[in-house]
N, C-alpha and C. Protein backbone atom coordinates (compact mmCIF):
# COMPACT_ATOMS: atom_id res chain seq x y z
N MET A 1 79.89 89.89 99.87
CA MET A 1 79.82 89.19 98.61
C MET A 1 79.36 90.16 97.52
N ILE A 2 80.07 90.15 96.42
CA ILE A 2 79.69 90.97 95.27
C ILE A 2 79.00 90.07 94.25
N HIS A 3 77.82 90.46 93.83
CA HIS A 3 77.06 89.66 92.89
C HIS A 3 77.36 90.09 91.46
N ARG A 4 77.56 89.11 90.61
CA ARG A 4 77.84 89.37 89.20
C ARG A 4 76.53 89.65 88.47
N LEU A 5 76.52 90.68 87.69
CA LEU A 5 75.35 91.04 86.91
C LEU A 5 75.61 90.61 85.47
N SER A 6 75.40 89.32 85.20
CA SER A 6 75.78 88.76 83.91
C SER A 6 74.85 89.15 82.77
N THR A 7 73.71 89.74 83.07
CA THR A 7 72.78 90.11 82.01
C THR A 7 72.99 91.54 81.51
N ALA A 8 73.78 92.31 82.22
CA ALA A 8 74.01 93.71 81.83
C ALA A 8 75.41 93.87 81.27
N ARG A 9 75.50 94.46 80.11
CA ARG A 9 76.79 94.74 79.49
C ARG A 9 76.98 96.24 79.38
N LEU A 10 78.20 96.66 79.50
CA LEU A 10 78.50 98.08 79.36
C LEU A 10 78.49 98.50 77.90
N CYS A 11 78.96 97.61 77.05
CA CYS A 11 79.13 97.97 75.64
C CYS A 11 78.92 96.72 74.78
N ARG A 12 78.14 96.84 73.72
CA ARG A 12 77.90 95.76 72.76
C ARG A 12 78.51 96.16 71.41
N PRO A 13 78.84 95.19 70.57
CA PRO A 13 79.36 95.55 69.24
C PRO A 13 78.41 96.46 68.47
N SER A 14 77.11 96.28 68.64
CA SER A 14 76.14 97.11 67.93
C SER A 14 76.13 98.56 68.42
N ASP A 15 76.74 98.82 69.58
CA ASP A 15 76.83 100.18 70.12
C ASP A 15 77.94 100.99 69.45
N LEU A 16 78.82 100.32 68.73
CA LEU A 16 79.99 100.98 68.16
C LEU A 16 79.92 101.01 66.63
N ARG A 17 80.64 101.94 66.04
CA ARG A 17 80.72 102.07 64.59
C ARG A 17 82.18 101.98 64.18
N PRO A 18 82.50 101.15 63.19
CA PRO A 18 83.89 101.06 62.73
C PRO A 18 84.39 102.40 62.21
N LEU A 19 85.69 102.61 62.32
CA LEU A 19 86.29 103.85 61.84
C LEU A 19 86.35 103.91 60.31
N ARG A 20 86.37 102.73 59.68
CA ARG A 20 86.43 102.68 58.22
C ARG A 20 85.36 101.71 57.71
N ASP A 21 84.94 101.89 56.47
CA ASP A 21 83.91 101.04 55.89
C ASP A 21 84.36 99.60 55.69
N ASP A 22 85.67 99.36 55.56
CA ASP A 22 86.16 98.00 55.34
C ASP A 22 86.48 97.26 56.64
N LEU A 23 86.10 97.82 57.78
CA LEU A 23 86.30 97.18 59.08
C LEU A 23 84.95 96.76 59.66
N GLU A 24 85.00 95.78 60.57
CA GLU A 24 83.80 95.29 61.23
C GLU A 24 84.09 95.08 62.72
N ILE A 25 83.20 95.45 63.58
CA ILE A 25 83.35 95.21 65.01
C ILE A 25 82.64 93.90 65.33
N VAL A 26 83.40 92.92 65.79
CA VAL A 26 82.85 91.59 66.03
C VAL A 26 82.71 91.27 67.51
N GLY A 27 83.28 92.08 68.39
CA GLY A 27 83.19 91.82 69.82
C GLY A 27 83.65 93.01 70.63
N THR A 28 83.33 92.98 71.90
CA THR A 28 83.77 94.02 72.83
C THR A 28 84.27 93.36 74.10
N PHE A 29 85.05 94.09 74.86
CA PHE A 29 85.59 93.61 76.13
C PHE A 29 85.07 94.52 77.22
N ASN A 30 84.35 93.94 78.18
CA ASN A 30 83.77 94.71 79.27
C ASN A 30 84.44 94.31 80.59
N PRO A 31 85.54 94.97 80.94
CA PRO A 31 86.24 94.61 82.17
C PRO A 31 85.50 95.11 83.41
N GLY A 32 85.79 94.48 84.51
CA GLY A 32 85.25 94.92 85.79
C GLY A 32 86.34 94.85 86.85
N ALA A 33 86.26 95.69 87.84
CA ALA A 33 87.28 95.71 88.88
C ALA A 33 86.68 96.17 90.21
N ILE A 34 87.27 95.71 91.28
CA ILE A 34 86.87 96.16 92.61
C ILE A 34 88.12 96.43 93.42
N VAL A 35 87.99 97.21 94.45
CA VAL A 35 89.07 97.44 95.40
C VAL A 35 88.55 97.02 96.77
N SER A 36 89.34 96.24 97.45
CA SER A 36 88.96 95.74 98.76
C SER A 36 89.94 96.27 99.80
N ALA A 37 89.46 96.47 101.00
CA ALA A 37 90.33 96.94 102.09
C ALA A 37 91.47 95.95 102.32
N ASP A 38 91.24 94.66 102.12
CA ASP A 38 92.28 93.65 102.31
C ASP A 38 93.44 93.85 101.34
N LEU A 39 93.19 94.40 100.19
CA LEU A 39 94.24 94.63 99.21
C LEU A 39 95.33 95.54 99.76
N PHE A 40 94.95 96.53 100.54
CA PHE A 40 95.91 97.49 101.07
C PHE A 40 96.63 96.98 102.31
N ASN A 41 96.14 95.92 102.92
CA ASN A 41 96.78 95.38 104.13
C ASN A 41 97.82 94.31 103.83
N GLN A 42 97.94 93.92 102.56
CA GLN A 42 98.94 92.91 102.20
C GLN A 42 100.31 93.55 102.11
N VAL A 43 101.33 92.81 102.54
CA VAL A 43 102.69 93.33 102.49
C VAL A 43 103.53 92.47 101.59
């Protein structure tokens, strides 16, 4: 079982700076992925 760590984020909007002064960062996307041995056994 893999436990979700919902309190830890990789990246927050406050961690980033817009490329231009007229832009605003309002959100970020923090994807997660795993690889399982079962994935390779499927045909």
